[in-house]
Protein backbone atom coordinates (compact mmCIF):
# COMPACT_ATOMS: atom_id res chain seq x y z
CA LEU A 1 -44.35 110.04 100.15
CA VAL A 2 -44.18 113.84 99.94
CA HIS A 3 -42.21 113.62 96.68
CA THR A 4 -44.84 111.26 95.21
CA PHE A 5 -47.63 113.67 96.19
CA TYR A 6 -45.95 116.65 94.52
CA GLN A 7 -45.00 114.58 91.49
CA GLU A 8 -48.66 113.63 90.97
CA LEU A 9 -49.82 117.20 91.60
CA TRP A 10 -47.35 118.43 88.99
CA ARG A 11 -48.51 115.80 86.43
CA LEU A 12 -52.14 116.86 86.91
CA GLU A 13 -51.19 120.52 86.42
CA VAL A 14 -49.32 119.73 83.18
CA ALA A 15 -52.23 117.62 81.90
CA SER A 16 -54.67 120.47 82.56
CA GLN A 17 -52.75 122.95 80.37
CA SER A 18 -53.89 122.52 76.76
CA SER A 19 -50.90 124.45 75.37
CA LEU A 20 -48.53 122.03 77.13
CA THR A 21 -50.33 118.90 75.97
CA ARG A 22 -50.13 120.15 72.37
CA THR A 23 -46.32 120.20 72.63
CA SER A 24 -46.14 116.75 74.26
CA TYR A 25 -44.55 118.42 77.27
CA ALA A 26 -45.38 115.48 79.52
CA SER A 27 -43.35 113.10 77.33
CA LEU A 28 -40.45 115.56 77.15
CA HIS A 29 -40.43 116.14 80.88
CA PRO A 30 -41.98 113.03 82.48
CA ASN A 31 -40.75 113.71 86.02
CA LEU A 32 -40.46 116.66 88.31
CA GLU A 33 -36.67 116.87 88.13
CA PHE A 34 -33.91 118.87 86.45
CA ALA A 35 -34.24 118.80 82.66
CA GLU A 36 -30.99 117.67 81.05
CA TYR A 37 -31.34 120.02 78.07
CA LEU A 38 -30.61 122.88 80.46
CA ARG A 39 -26.99 121.65 80.58
CA SER A 40 -26.51 122.48 76.88
CA PRO A 41 -23.59 124.86 76.34
CA SER A 42 -25.65 126.87 73.84
CA VAL A 43 -27.62 129.51 75.72
CA ALA A 44 -29.60 130.36 72.58
CA ALA A 45 -30.59 126.71 72.08
CA ARG A 46 -31.63 126.36 75.74
CA HIS A 47 -33.79 129.45 75.37
CA LEU A 48 -35.39 128.18 72.14
CA ARG A 49 -35.98 124.71 73.57
CA THR A 50 -37.68 126.17 76.62
CA ARG A 51 -39.96 128.38 74.51
CA LEU A 52 -40.82 125.50 72.15
CA ARG A 53 -41.40 123.00 74.99
CA LEU A 54 -43.76 125.43 76.70
CA ASN A 55 -45.51 126.34 73.42
CA LEU A 56 -44.48 129.98 73.80
CA TYR A 57 -42.55 130.46 70.56
CA GLY A 58 -44.43 133.44 69.11
CA ALA A 59 -43.54 132.99 65.44
CA ILE A 60 -45.55 129.76 65.19
CA GLY A 61 -49.10 130.24 63.97
CA ASP A 62 -50.68 128.33 66.83
CA VAL A 63 -49.03 130.65 69.36
CA SER A 64 -49.24 133.91 67.44
CA ARG A 65 -52.96 133.44 66.82
CA ARG A 66 -53.73 132.42 70.40
CA SER A 67 -54.36 136.02 71.49
CA THR A 68 -56.98 136.47 68.75
CA ARG A 69 -59.21 133.94 70.54
CA VAL A 70 -59.40 131.87 67.34
CA PRO A 71 -60.13 128.23 68.30
CA HIS A 72 -57.09 125.96 68.00
CA CYS A 73 -58.61 123.91 65.17
CA ASP A 74 -59.13 127.09 63.07
CA ARG A 75 -55.55 128.40 63.36
CA GLY A 76 -54.40 126.93 60.02
CA PRO A 77 -53.21 126.81 57.34
CA CYS A 78 -49.48 126.81 57.98
CA GLU A 79 -48.03 130.18 56.94
CA VAL A 80 -44.79 128.57 55.72
CA CYS A 81 -45.82 125.56 53.63
CA GLY A 82 -49.52 126.28 53.14
CA ALA A 83 -50.53 122.83 54.41
CA ASP A 84 -54.06 122.64 55.74
CA ALA A 85 -52.73 122.05 59.24
CA VAL A 86 -52.37 124.16 62.35
CA GLU A 87 -48.76 125.29 62.63
CA THR A 88 -47.94 123.69 65.98
CA VAL A 89 -44.50 123.03 67.44
CA ASP A 90 -44.65 119.48 66.04
CA HIS A 91 -45.68 120.67 62.58
CA PHE A 92 -42.94 123.32 62.58
CA LEU A 93 -40.14 121.00 63.74
CA LEU A 94 -41.17 117.65 62.26
CA HIS A 95 -43.49 118.05 59.27
CA CYS A 96 -43.46 121.51 57.66
CA ALA A 97 -42.41 121.18 54.02
CA GLY A 98 -40.84 124.65 54.21
CA PHE A 99 -38.10 123.26 56.46
CA ALA A 100 -37.64 119.83 54.82
CA HIS A 101 -34.16 120.70 53.54
CA GLN A 102 -32.93 121.71 57.00
CA ARG A 103 -34.47 118.55 58.52
CA GLY A 104 -32.58 116.48 55.95
CA GLU A 105 -29.32 118.15 56.97
CA LEU A 106 -30.12 117.48 60.63
CA GLU A 107 -30.83 113.79 59.93
CA ALA A 108 -27.46 113.49 58.16
CA ALA A 109 -25.70 115.20 61.09
CA MET A 110 -27.41 112.90 63.61
CA ARG A 111 -26.38 109.80 61.64
CA LYS A 112 -22.77 111.07 61.56
CA VAL A 113 -22.68 110.81 65.35
CA GLY A 114 -21.91 107.17 64.64
CA ASN A 115 -24.04 105.54 67.33
CA VAL A 116 -25.32 102.28 65.81
CA VAL A 117 -28.51 102.15 67.90
CA LEU A 118 -29.36 105.80 67.16
CA THR A 119 -28.80 105.31 63.43
CA ALA A 120 -30.97 102.16 63.41
CA ALA A 121 -33.73 103.98 65.28
CA LEU A 122 -33.60 107.00 62.95
CA CYS A 123 -33.77 104.78 59.85
CA ALA A 124 -36.52 102.50 61.18
CA THR A 125 -38.85 105.25 62.38
CA VAL A 126 -38.96 107.70 59.47
CA GLY A 127 -42.51 109.02 59.08
CA THR A 128 -43.94 107.15 62.07
CA PRO A 129 -45.32 108.37 65.42
CA ALA A 130 -42.34 106.67 67.11
CA GLY A 131 -40.06 108.63 64.80
CA ASP A 132 -41.82 111.87 65.73
CA ASP A 133 -41.36 111.05 69.43
CA LEU A 134 -37.66 110.31 68.92
CA ARG A 135 -36.96 113.42 66.85
CA ARG A 136 -38.98 115.63 69.24
CA ALA A 137 -36.99 114.28 72.19
CA LEU A 138 -33.69 114.85 70.37
CA LEU A 139 -34.58 118.40 69.31
CA LEU A 140 -36.25 119.56 72.50
CA GLY A 141 -34.13 117.76 75.05
CA GLY A 142 -36.44 114.99 76.17
CA PRO A 143 -35.39 111.54 77.38
CA VAL A 144 -33.95 109.71 74.35
CA GLU A 145 -32.58 106.41 75.69
CA PRO A 146 -36.01 104.83 76.40
CA LEU A 147 -36.99 105.53 72.77
CA LEU A 148 -33.81 103.84 71.49
CA SER A 149 -34.06 100.62 73.50
CA PRO A 150 -36.27 98.75 70.98
CA TYR A 151 -33.52 99.23 68.37
CA ASP A 152 -30.63 98.01 70.53
CA PRO A 153 -29.19 94.83 68.97
CA VAL A 154 -28.68 93.36 72.44
CA ALA A 155 -32.24 92.43 73.40
CA GLY A 156 -33.41 93.38 76.85
CA THR A 157 -30.75 96.02 77.44
CA ARG A 158 -31.28 99.73 77.87
CA ALA A 159 -29.70 101.76 75.08
CA VAL A 160 -27.19 104.29 76.36
CA LEU A 161 -25.65 107.22 74.54
CA SER A 162 -22.10 108.11 75.49
CA ARG A 163 -21.31 111.58 76.78
CA GLY A 164 -19.56 112.33 73.46
CA ASP A 165 -22.61 111.14 71.47
CA LYS A 166 -24.86 113.36 73.57
CA ARG A 167 -22.55 116.35 73.06
CA ARG A 168 -22.46 115.85 69.27
CA LEU A 169 -26.24 115.36 69.11
CA ASP A 170 -26.81 118.46 71.21
CA ALA A 171 -24.53 120.51 68.94
CA ALA A 172 -26.30 119.29 65.77
CA CYS A 173 -29.78 119.85 67.22
CA SER A 174 -28.81 123.26 68.62
CA ARG A 175 -27.50 124.42 65.22
CA HIS A 176 -30.67 123.16 63.56
CA LEU A 177 -32.97 124.88 66.06
CA ARG A 178 -31.15 128.20 65.76
CA ALA A 179 -31.26 128.02 61.94
CA VAL A 180 -34.93 127.08 61.55
CA CYS A 181 -36.06 129.52 64.25
CA ARG A 182 -34.05 132.34 62.65
CA SER A 183 -35.71 131.54 59.33
CA ARG A 184 -39.18 131.27 60.90
CA ASP A 185 -38.69 134.56 62.77
CA ALA A 186 -37.78 136.30 59.50
CA ARG A 187 -40.87 134.90 57.75
CA HIS A 188 -43.05 135.92 60.70
CA ARG A 189 -41.64 139.49 60.64
CA ASP A 190 -42.18 139.73 56.87
CA ALA A 191 -45.75 138.46 57.19
CA SER A 192 -46.56 140.91 59.99
CA ARG A 193 -45.19 143.84 57.93
CA ALA A 194 -47.12 142.90 54.80
CA PRO A 195 -50.14 145.10 54.11
CA ALA A 196 -53.50 143.60 54.97
CA PRO A 197 -55.50 142.34 51.95
CA ALA A 198 -58.12 144.81 50.77
């Protein structure tokens, strides 16, 4: 009973934080329990995932412009691809054209893991909200198995990734996060050093 009370209190707190709802934090961390991504052997990836999950990654336009008191809807366009969209965590990781090549390499690496259900889910969900949920969970360490179950060839079963599959996925996603964040940090530094337009 006490656990249920604190679980509900925690859910209400997460729902009240607009910066957390913009990163889909509640779907990445649905329960008040230890987050599995914290077991990743890559300290740098754990650090990046935490900052991205909490919407505290300062190179992203949505976060870097937060201190200017500019309303969220006016924080676009994306500094990287120029799209008329606010550069949120989702835009940065899932949609930004400036990182399409790296996302393609990540997709290939995830398919090489060899898990039939994962490959079917990745192929079936390209460009869909379900695909965004799956890729966000893979990149940021959210629960993946519930998102794979609809693609399991054995109907009614819960898809399970082996420990080896999880390790290979974590390694691929960690490499991708470090690479795109390094690139985004460099672009952010260059933009902040550029002289202001006259």
